N, C-alpha and C. Protein backbone atom coordinates (compact mmCIF):
# COMPACT_ATOMS: atom_id res chain seq x y z
N MET A 1 13.31 4.87 -17.07
CA MET A 1 12.96 3.50 -16.77
C MET A 1 12.59 3.40 -15.30
N SER A 2 11.50 2.71 -15.01
CA SER A 2 11.06 2.61 -13.63
C SER A 2 11.60 1.35 -12.97
N VAL A 3 11.63 1.38 -11.67
CA VAL A 3 12.12 0.25 -10.88
C VAL A 3 10.93 -0.68 -10.63
N GLU A 4 11.18 -1.98 -10.76
CA GLU A 4 10.12 -2.96 -10.52
C GLU A 4 9.76 -2.97 -9.04
N GLU A 5 8.46 -3.03 -8.76
CA GLU A 5 7.96 -3.04 -7.39
C GLU A 5 7.26 -4.36 -7.13
N SER A 6 7.63 -5.03 -6.05
CA SER A 6 6.95 -6.25 -5.64
C SER A 6 5.63 -5.86 -4.99
N ILE A 7 4.59 -6.64 -5.31
CA ILE A 7 3.27 -6.36 -4.79
C ILE A 7 2.52 -7.68 -4.65
N THR A 8 1.60 -7.74 -3.69
CA THR A 8 0.78 -8.94 -3.56
C THR A 8 -0.34 -8.91 -4.59
N ALA A 9 -0.96 -10.06 -4.82
CA ALA A 9 -2.08 -10.12 -5.76
C ALA A 9 -3.22 -9.21 -5.28
N GLU A 10 -3.44 -9.17 -3.97
CA GLU A 10 -4.48 -8.30 -3.42
C GLU A 10 -4.15 -6.84 -3.66
N GLY A 11 -2.87 -6.50 -3.50
CA GLY A 11 -2.44 -5.13 -3.75
C GLY A 11 -2.63 -4.74 -5.20
N MET A 12 -2.33 -5.66 -6.12
CA MET A 12 -2.52 -5.39 -7.54
C MET A 12 -4.00 -5.16 -7.85
N ALA A 13 -4.85 -6.00 -7.28
CA ALA A 13 -6.29 -5.84 -7.49
C ALA A 13 -6.78 -4.49 -6.96
N ALA A 14 -6.26 -4.08 -5.81
CA ALA A 14 -6.65 -2.79 -5.23
C ALA A 14 -6.18 -1.64 -6.11
N LEU A 15 -4.95 -1.72 -6.65
CA LEU A 15 -4.46 -0.68 -7.56
C LEU A 15 -5.35 -0.57 -8.79
N LYS A 16 -5.70 -1.71 -9.37
CA LYS A 16 -6.56 -1.72 -10.57
C LYS A 16 -7.94 -1.15 -10.26
N ALA A 17 -8.48 -1.48 -9.10
CA ALA A 17 -9.79 -0.95 -8.70
C ALA A 17 -9.72 0.57 -8.49
N ASP A 18 -8.65 1.04 -7.84
CA ASP A 18 -8.48 2.48 -7.64
C ASP A 18 -8.41 3.19 -8.99
N LEU A 19 -7.62 2.64 -9.91
CA LEU A 19 -7.47 3.26 -11.22
C LEU A 19 -8.81 3.29 -11.96
N ALA A 20 -9.55 2.21 -11.93
CA ALA A 20 -10.84 2.15 -12.61
C ALA A 20 -11.80 3.19 -12.02
N GLN A 21 -11.80 3.35 -10.70
CA GLN A 21 -12.67 4.34 -10.07
C GLN A 21 -12.28 5.76 -10.46
N LEU A 22 -10.97 6.02 -10.48
CA LEU A 22 -10.50 7.37 -10.83
C LEU A 22 -10.78 7.68 -12.30
N GLU A 23 -10.52 6.71 -13.18
CA GLU A 23 -10.73 6.93 -14.61
C GLU A 23 -12.21 6.98 -14.98
N GLY A 24 -13.06 6.38 -14.18
CA GLY A 24 -14.49 6.35 -14.48
C GLY A 24 -15.26 7.39 -13.70
N GLU A 25 -15.73 6.99 -12.54
CA GLU A 25 -16.60 7.82 -11.71
C GLU A 25 -15.98 9.17 -11.34
N ALA A 26 -14.73 9.16 -10.89
CA ALA A 26 -14.09 10.42 -10.46
C ALA A 26 -13.95 11.40 -11.63
N ARG A 27 -13.53 10.90 -12.80
CA ARG A 27 -13.42 11.78 -13.97
C ARG A 27 -14.78 12.37 -14.34
N ARG A 28 -15.82 11.54 -14.32
CA ARG A 28 -17.17 12.03 -14.66
C ARG A 28 -17.62 13.11 -13.68
N GLU A 29 -17.35 12.91 -12.38
CA GLU A 29 -17.75 13.90 -11.38
C GLU A 29 -17.04 15.23 -11.59
N VAL A 30 -15.75 15.19 -11.86
CA VAL A 30 -14.99 16.42 -12.08
C VAL A 30 -15.46 17.10 -13.36
N ALA A 31 -15.69 16.34 -14.40
CA ALA A 31 -16.18 16.92 -15.66
C ALA A 31 -17.53 17.59 -15.45
N ALA A 32 -18.40 16.99 -14.65
CA ALA A 32 -19.71 17.59 -14.37
C ALA A 32 -19.55 18.91 -13.61
N ARG A 33 -18.61 18.94 -12.63
CA ARG A 33 -18.37 20.19 -11.89
C ARG A 33 -17.83 21.28 -12.81
N ILE A 34 -16.95 20.91 -13.72
CA ILE A 34 -16.41 21.89 -14.67
C ILE A 34 -17.53 22.43 -15.55
N GLN A 35 -18.38 21.54 -16.05
CA GLN A 35 -19.49 21.96 -16.91
C GLN A 35 -20.45 22.89 -16.16
N THR A 36 -20.77 22.54 -14.93
CA THR A 36 -21.66 23.38 -14.13
C THR A 36 -21.04 24.75 -13.91
N ALA A 37 -19.75 24.79 -13.61
CA ALA A 37 -19.06 26.07 -13.38
C ALA A 37 -19.01 26.90 -14.65
N ARG A 38 -18.83 26.26 -15.80
CA ARG A 38 -18.81 26.99 -17.08
C ARG A 38 -20.13 27.70 -17.33
N GLU A 39 -21.19 27.08 -16.89
CA GLU A 39 -22.53 27.65 -17.11
C GLU A 39 -22.77 28.91 -16.28
N HIS A 40 -21.88 29.17 -15.32
CA HIS A 40 -22.03 30.36 -14.48
C HIS A 40 -21.45 31.61 -15.10
N GLY A 41 -20.94 31.51 -16.32
CA GLY A 41 -20.49 32.70 -17.03
C GLY A 41 -18.99 32.85 -17.13
N ASP A 42 -18.54 34.10 -17.03
CA ASP A 42 -17.15 34.50 -17.24
C ASP A 42 -16.18 33.58 -16.51
N LEU A 43 -15.29 32.92 -17.26
CA LEU A 43 -14.37 31.97 -16.67
C LEU A 43 -13.19 32.64 -15.98
N LYS A 44 -12.86 33.90 -16.35
CA LYS A 44 -11.71 34.58 -15.76
C LYS A 44 -11.86 34.75 -14.25
N GLU A 45 -13.06 35.06 -13.81
CA GLU A 45 -13.28 35.32 -12.39
C GLU A 45 -14.19 34.28 -11.76
N ASN A 46 -14.18 33.09 -12.31
CA ASN A 46 -15.07 32.04 -11.83
C ASN A 46 -14.26 31.09 -10.93
N ALA A 47 -14.30 31.33 -9.64
CA ALA A 47 -13.52 30.53 -8.68
C ALA A 47 -13.93 29.06 -8.71
N GLU A 48 -15.22 28.80 -8.88
CA GLU A 48 -15.71 27.42 -8.93
C GLU A 48 -15.08 26.68 -10.11
N TYR A 49 -14.98 27.35 -11.25
CA TYR A 49 -14.39 26.75 -12.45
C TYR A 49 -12.90 26.45 -12.22
N HIS A 50 -12.18 27.43 -11.68
CA HIS A 50 -10.75 27.24 -11.44
C HIS A 50 -10.48 26.14 -10.42
N ALA A 51 -11.31 26.05 -9.40
CA ALA A 51 -11.16 24.99 -8.40
C ALA A 51 -11.40 23.62 -9.03
N ALA A 52 -12.41 23.54 -9.88
CA ALA A 52 -12.71 22.27 -10.55
C ALA A 52 -11.59 21.88 -11.52
N LYS A 53 -11.02 22.86 -12.22
CA LYS A 53 -9.90 22.57 -13.13
C LYS A 53 -8.67 22.12 -12.34
N GLU A 54 -8.44 22.72 -11.18
CA GLU A 54 -7.32 22.30 -10.34
C GLU A 54 -7.54 20.88 -9.83
N GLU A 55 -8.77 20.58 -9.44
CA GLU A 55 -9.11 19.22 -9.01
C GLU A 55 -8.90 18.23 -10.15
N GLN A 56 -9.25 18.63 -11.37
CA GLN A 56 -9.05 17.78 -12.53
C GLN A 56 -7.56 17.50 -12.75
N ALA A 57 -6.72 18.51 -12.60
CA ALA A 57 -5.28 18.34 -12.77
C ALA A 57 -4.72 17.38 -11.72
N MET A 58 -5.17 17.51 -10.48
CA MET A 58 -4.71 16.61 -9.42
C MET A 58 -5.18 15.18 -9.69
N LEU A 59 -6.41 15.03 -10.16
CA LEU A 59 -6.94 13.71 -10.49
C LEU A 59 -6.11 13.06 -11.60
N GLU A 60 -5.82 13.81 -12.64
CA GLU A 60 -5.03 13.27 -13.75
C GLU A 60 -3.62 12.90 -13.31
N SER A 61 -3.08 13.66 -12.37
CA SER A 61 -1.76 13.35 -11.82
C SER A 61 -1.81 12.04 -11.04
N ARG A 62 -2.85 11.84 -10.23
CA ARG A 62 -3.01 10.59 -9.48
C ARG A 62 -3.15 9.41 -10.44
N ILE A 63 -3.93 9.60 -11.50
CA ILE A 63 -4.12 8.53 -12.49
C ILE A 63 -2.78 8.18 -13.12
N ALA A 64 -2.02 9.18 -13.51
CA ALA A 64 -0.71 8.94 -14.14
C ALA A 64 0.22 8.18 -13.19
N ARG A 65 0.23 8.55 -11.91
CA ARG A 65 1.08 7.84 -10.94
C ARG A 65 0.65 6.38 -10.78
N LEU A 66 -0.66 6.14 -10.75
CA LEU A 66 -1.14 4.76 -10.64
C LEU A 66 -0.78 3.94 -11.87
N VAL A 67 -0.87 4.54 -13.04
CA VAL A 67 -0.51 3.83 -14.27
C VAL A 67 0.96 3.43 -14.23
N VAL A 68 1.82 4.32 -13.79
CA VAL A 68 3.25 4.02 -13.68
C VAL A 68 3.47 2.89 -12.67
N ARG A 69 2.79 2.96 -11.53
CA ARG A 69 2.92 1.90 -10.52
C ARG A 69 2.46 0.56 -11.07
N LEU A 70 1.36 0.55 -11.79
CA LEU A 70 0.86 -0.71 -12.36
C LEU A 70 1.85 -1.29 -13.37
N ARG A 71 2.44 -0.43 -14.17
CA ARG A 71 3.41 -0.90 -15.16
C ARG A 71 4.65 -1.49 -14.51
N SER A 72 5.03 -0.96 -13.35
CA SER A 72 6.26 -1.42 -12.71
C SER A 72 6.01 -2.51 -11.66
N ALA A 73 4.74 -2.81 -11.41
CA ALA A 73 4.42 -3.79 -10.36
C ALA A 73 4.61 -5.22 -10.86
N ARG A 74 5.13 -6.04 -9.98
CA ARG A 74 5.31 -7.46 -10.25
C ARG A 74 4.67 -8.22 -9.09
N VAL A 75 3.64 -9.01 -9.42
CA VAL A 75 2.95 -9.76 -8.38
C VAL A 75 3.86 -10.88 -7.88
N VAL A 76 4.03 -10.92 -6.57
CA VAL A 76 4.83 -11.96 -5.94
C VAL A 76 3.89 -12.74 -5.02
N GLU A 77 3.77 -14.02 -5.28
CA GLU A 77 2.94 -14.88 -4.45
C GLU A 77 3.78 -15.45 -3.31
N SER A 78 3.16 -15.56 -2.14
CA SER A 78 3.88 -16.20 -1.04
C SER A 78 3.93 -17.70 -1.31
N PRO A 79 5.02 -18.33 -0.93
CA PRO A 79 5.13 -19.77 -1.17
C PRO A 79 4.02 -20.52 -0.43
N ALA A 80 3.31 -21.39 -1.15
CA ALA A 80 2.21 -22.14 -0.54
C ALA A 80 2.74 -23.09 0.53
N HIS A 81 2.09 -23.11 1.66
CA HIS A 81 2.40 -24.01 2.77
C HIS A 81 3.86 -23.93 3.23
N SER A 82 4.45 -22.76 3.06
CA SER A 82 5.83 -22.57 3.49
C SER A 82 5.88 -22.44 5.01
N MET A 83 6.93 -22.92 5.58
CA MET A 83 7.14 -22.78 7.01
C MET A 83 8.21 -21.72 7.29
N ILE A 84 8.52 -20.92 6.27
CA ILE A 84 9.50 -19.85 6.39
C ILE A 84 8.81 -18.53 6.02
N VAL A 85 9.05 -17.48 6.80
CA VAL A 85 8.47 -16.17 6.51
C VAL A 85 9.06 -15.65 5.21
N ALA A 86 8.17 -15.21 4.30
CA ALA A 86 8.57 -14.68 3.01
C ALA A 86 7.61 -13.55 2.62
N PHE A 87 7.90 -12.88 1.52
CA PHE A 87 7.02 -11.85 1.00
C PHE A 87 5.63 -12.45 0.83
N GLY A 88 4.61 -11.75 1.32
CA GLY A 88 3.24 -12.23 1.22
C GLY A 88 2.78 -13.08 2.38
N SER A 89 3.72 -13.51 3.24
CA SER A 89 3.36 -14.34 4.40
C SER A 89 2.61 -13.52 5.44
N THR A 90 1.70 -14.19 6.12
CA THR A 90 1.10 -13.62 7.33
C THR A 90 1.73 -14.38 8.48
N VAL A 91 2.39 -13.64 9.34
CA VAL A 91 3.16 -14.23 10.44
C VAL A 91 2.62 -13.72 11.77
N HIS A 92 2.46 -14.64 12.71
CA HIS A 92 2.02 -14.31 14.06
C HIS A 92 3.26 -14.33 14.95
N VAL A 93 3.45 -13.23 15.68
CA VAL A 93 4.64 -13.09 16.52
C VAL A 93 4.24 -12.72 17.94
N LEU A 94 5.16 -12.99 18.86
CA LEU A 94 4.97 -12.65 20.26
C LEU A 94 6.10 -11.73 20.68
N ASP A 95 5.76 -10.55 21.21
CA ASP A 95 6.75 -9.64 21.77
C ASP A 95 7.14 -10.22 23.12
N GLU A 96 8.37 -10.68 23.25
CA GLU A 96 8.79 -11.36 24.47
C GLU A 96 8.84 -10.44 25.68
N GLN A 97 8.95 -9.13 25.47
CA GLN A 97 9.01 -8.20 26.59
C GLN A 97 7.61 -7.96 27.16
N THR A 98 6.63 -7.74 26.30
CA THR A 98 5.28 -7.41 26.75
C THR A 98 4.33 -8.59 26.70
N GLU A 99 4.76 -9.68 26.06
CA GLU A 99 3.95 -10.87 25.83
C GLU A 99 2.71 -10.56 24.99
N ARG A 100 2.80 -9.52 24.21
CA ARG A 100 1.72 -9.13 23.30
C ARG A 100 1.88 -9.88 21.99
N GLU A 101 0.79 -10.48 21.51
CA GLU A 101 0.81 -11.17 20.23
C GLU A 101 0.30 -10.25 19.14
N MET A 102 0.94 -10.35 17.97
CA MET A 102 0.55 -9.54 16.83
C MET A 102 0.66 -10.38 15.57
N ALA A 103 -0.06 -9.97 14.55
CA ALA A 103 0.03 -10.64 13.25
C ALA A 103 0.38 -9.59 12.21
N PHE A 104 1.29 -9.95 11.31
CA PHE A 104 1.72 -9.06 10.24
C PHE A 104 1.68 -9.81 8.91
N THR A 105 1.32 -9.10 7.87
CA THR A 105 1.45 -9.63 6.51
C THR A 105 2.55 -8.82 5.85
N ILE A 106 3.52 -9.49 5.25
CA ILE A 106 4.65 -8.82 4.61
C ILE A 106 4.21 -8.46 3.18
N VAL A 107 4.20 -7.15 2.88
CA VAL A 107 3.71 -6.65 1.59
C VAL A 107 4.70 -5.67 0.98
N GLY A 108 4.42 -5.23 -0.23
CA GLY A 108 5.25 -4.23 -0.88
C GLY A 108 5.13 -2.88 -0.18
N PRO A 109 6.12 -2.02 -0.37
CA PRO A 109 6.15 -0.73 0.32
C PRO A 109 4.90 0.13 0.11
N THR A 110 4.33 0.08 -1.09
CA THR A 110 3.16 0.92 -1.34
C THR A 110 1.87 0.34 -0.77
N GLU A 111 1.90 -0.92 -0.33
CA GLU A 111 0.73 -1.55 0.27
C GLU A 111 0.75 -1.45 1.78
N ALA A 112 1.87 -1.04 2.33
CA ALA A 112 2.07 -1.07 3.78
C ALA A 112 1.03 -0.21 4.50
N ASP A 113 0.55 -0.74 5.63
CA ASP A 113 -0.39 -0.05 6.50
C ASP A 113 -0.22 -0.69 7.88
N ALA A 114 0.66 -0.12 8.68
CA ALA A 114 1.00 -0.72 9.98
C ALA A 114 -0.23 -0.91 10.84
N GLY A 115 -1.16 0.03 10.80
CA GLY A 115 -2.39 -0.08 11.58
C GLY A 115 -3.23 -1.28 11.21
N ALA A 116 -3.11 -1.72 9.96
CA ALA A 116 -3.86 -2.89 9.48
C ALA A 116 -2.99 -4.15 9.51
N GLY A 117 -1.79 -4.04 10.09
CA GLY A 117 -0.91 -5.20 10.19
C GLY A 117 -0.23 -5.56 8.88
N ARG A 118 -0.10 -4.59 7.97
CA ARG A 118 0.55 -4.83 6.67
C ARG A 118 1.90 -4.13 6.69
N LEU A 119 2.96 -4.92 6.86
CA LEU A 119 4.32 -4.38 6.98
C LEU A 119 5.01 -4.32 5.63
N SER A 120 5.68 -3.21 5.37
CA SER A 120 6.50 -3.09 4.17
C SER A 120 7.63 -4.10 4.23
N SER A 121 7.86 -4.77 3.12
CA SER A 121 8.96 -5.74 3.06
C SER A 121 10.31 -5.07 3.27
N GLU A 122 10.34 -3.75 3.17
CA GLU A 122 11.58 -3.00 3.37
C GLU A 122 11.76 -2.53 4.81
N SER A 123 10.75 -2.74 5.67
CA SER A 123 10.84 -2.27 7.06
C SER A 123 11.80 -3.15 7.85
N PRO A 124 12.39 -2.60 8.90
CA PRO A 124 13.31 -3.39 9.73
C PRO A 124 12.65 -4.64 10.31
N MET A 125 11.39 -4.53 10.73
CA MET A 125 10.69 -5.69 11.30
C MET A 125 10.52 -6.79 10.25
N ALA A 126 10.06 -6.42 9.06
CA ALA A 126 9.88 -7.41 8.00
C ALA A 126 11.21 -8.03 7.59
N GLN A 127 12.22 -7.20 7.46
CA GLN A 127 13.54 -7.70 7.09
C GLN A 127 14.06 -8.71 8.12
N ALA A 128 13.78 -8.45 9.40
CA ALA A 128 14.21 -9.36 10.45
C ALA A 128 13.41 -10.67 10.41
N LEU A 129 12.13 -10.59 10.05
CA LEU A 129 11.27 -11.78 10.02
C LEU A 129 11.52 -12.69 8.83
N ILE A 130 11.81 -12.10 7.67
CA ILE A 130 11.97 -12.89 6.44
C ILE A 130 13.07 -13.93 6.61
N GLY A 131 12.73 -15.17 6.27
CA GLY A 131 13.68 -16.26 6.35
C GLY A 131 13.60 -17.05 7.64
N HIS A 132 12.77 -16.61 8.57
CA HIS A 132 12.65 -17.30 9.85
C HIS A 132 11.43 -18.20 9.89
N ALA A 133 11.42 -19.13 10.84
CA ALA A 133 10.35 -20.12 10.97
C ALA A 133 9.74 -20.05 12.36
N PRO A 134 8.57 -20.66 12.54
CA PRO A 134 7.97 -20.70 13.87
C PRO A 134 8.95 -21.26 14.90
N GLY A 135 8.98 -20.58 16.06
CA GLY A 135 9.90 -20.96 17.12
C GLY A 135 11.15 -20.09 17.14
N ASP A 136 11.50 -19.49 16.01
CA ASP A 136 12.69 -18.63 15.96
C ASP A 136 12.44 -17.35 16.75
N VAL A 137 13.50 -16.85 17.36
CA VAL A 137 13.45 -15.58 18.08
C VAL A 137 14.34 -14.61 17.32
N ILE A 138 13.81 -13.42 17.09
CA ILE A 138 14.56 -12.39 16.36
C ILE A 138 14.66 -11.14 17.21
N ASP A 139 15.72 -10.39 16.98
CA ASP A 139 15.89 -9.09 17.62
C ASP A 139 15.70 -8.03 16.57
N VAL A 140 14.89 -7.01 16.91
CA VAL A 140 14.62 -5.91 15.99
C VAL A 140 14.94 -4.61 16.69
N ASP A 141 15.79 -3.80 16.06
CA ASP A 141 16.10 -2.48 16.61
C ASP A 141 14.94 -1.54 16.30
N THR A 142 14.44 -0.88 17.34
CA THR A 142 13.35 0.07 17.19
C THR A 142 13.79 1.40 17.80
N PRO A 143 13.04 2.46 17.57
CA PRO A 143 13.39 3.75 18.19
C PRO A 143 13.42 3.66 19.73
N ARG A 144 12.71 2.70 20.30
CA ARG A 144 12.70 2.54 21.76
C ARG A 144 13.69 1.48 22.23
N GLY A 145 14.57 1.06 21.34
CA GLY A 145 15.57 0.06 21.71
C GLY A 145 15.27 -1.27 21.04
N SER A 146 16.13 -2.22 21.32
CA SER A 146 16.00 -3.54 20.72
C SER A 146 14.83 -4.31 21.34
N ARG A 147 14.06 -5.00 20.49
CA ARG A 147 12.93 -5.82 20.95
C ARG A 147 13.13 -7.24 20.46
N ARG A 148 12.73 -8.21 21.30
CA ARG A 148 12.81 -9.63 20.93
C ARG A 148 11.42 -10.12 20.58
N TRP A 149 11.32 -10.76 19.43
CA TRP A 149 10.05 -11.30 18.95
C TRP A 149 10.23 -12.80 18.68
N ARG A 150 9.23 -13.56 19.03
CA ARG A 150 9.22 -15.00 18.73
C ARG A 150 8.19 -15.24 17.64
N VAL A 151 8.62 -15.93 16.58
CA VAL A 151 7.71 -16.29 15.51
C VAL A 151 6.84 -17.43 16.02
N GLN A 152 5.53 -17.19 16.11
CA GLN A 152 4.60 -18.19 16.65
C GLN A 152 4.12 -19.15 15.57
N ARG A 153 3.57 -18.58 14.47
CA ARG A 153 3.05 -19.42 13.39
C ARG A 153 2.88 -18.60 12.13
N LEU A 154 2.68 -19.29 11.02
CA LEU A 154 2.41 -18.67 9.73
C LEU A 154 1.04 -19.09 9.25
N ASP A 155 0.34 -18.18 8.62
CA ASP A 155 -0.95 -18.52 8.00
C ASP A 155 -0.77 -18.68 6.51
């Protein structure tokens, strides 16, 4: 039995698109490479064929993992017009030490991409933000020590 995973609607759409691409175009491309390699003769010593079959196995493994993720995913919508940080919220914060402003969207662990401002709901920063409102100041322990952040606004 798999564990249910919270995901945003955008994350669910991206998973479905990835799966459709892998099951369609990617499978066709690998099948074409296998067919081309078969036409080169003896399969025992055909490195191109073996490489294509290995690629096919990895592709099928990725497809299987995505199917499991889709089955266990539960779309969680952020509360409309909420003034409290929650799953799915986009929150603008100010680092009180550096006065640097940043924006984060709280997403499921598999959607997280810190470089794109998508924080895992399981991360220390997201956990500290959830439940707070604009004007609140939170302390977050980081590898470089404790940091103070002020919640500026929610989108």
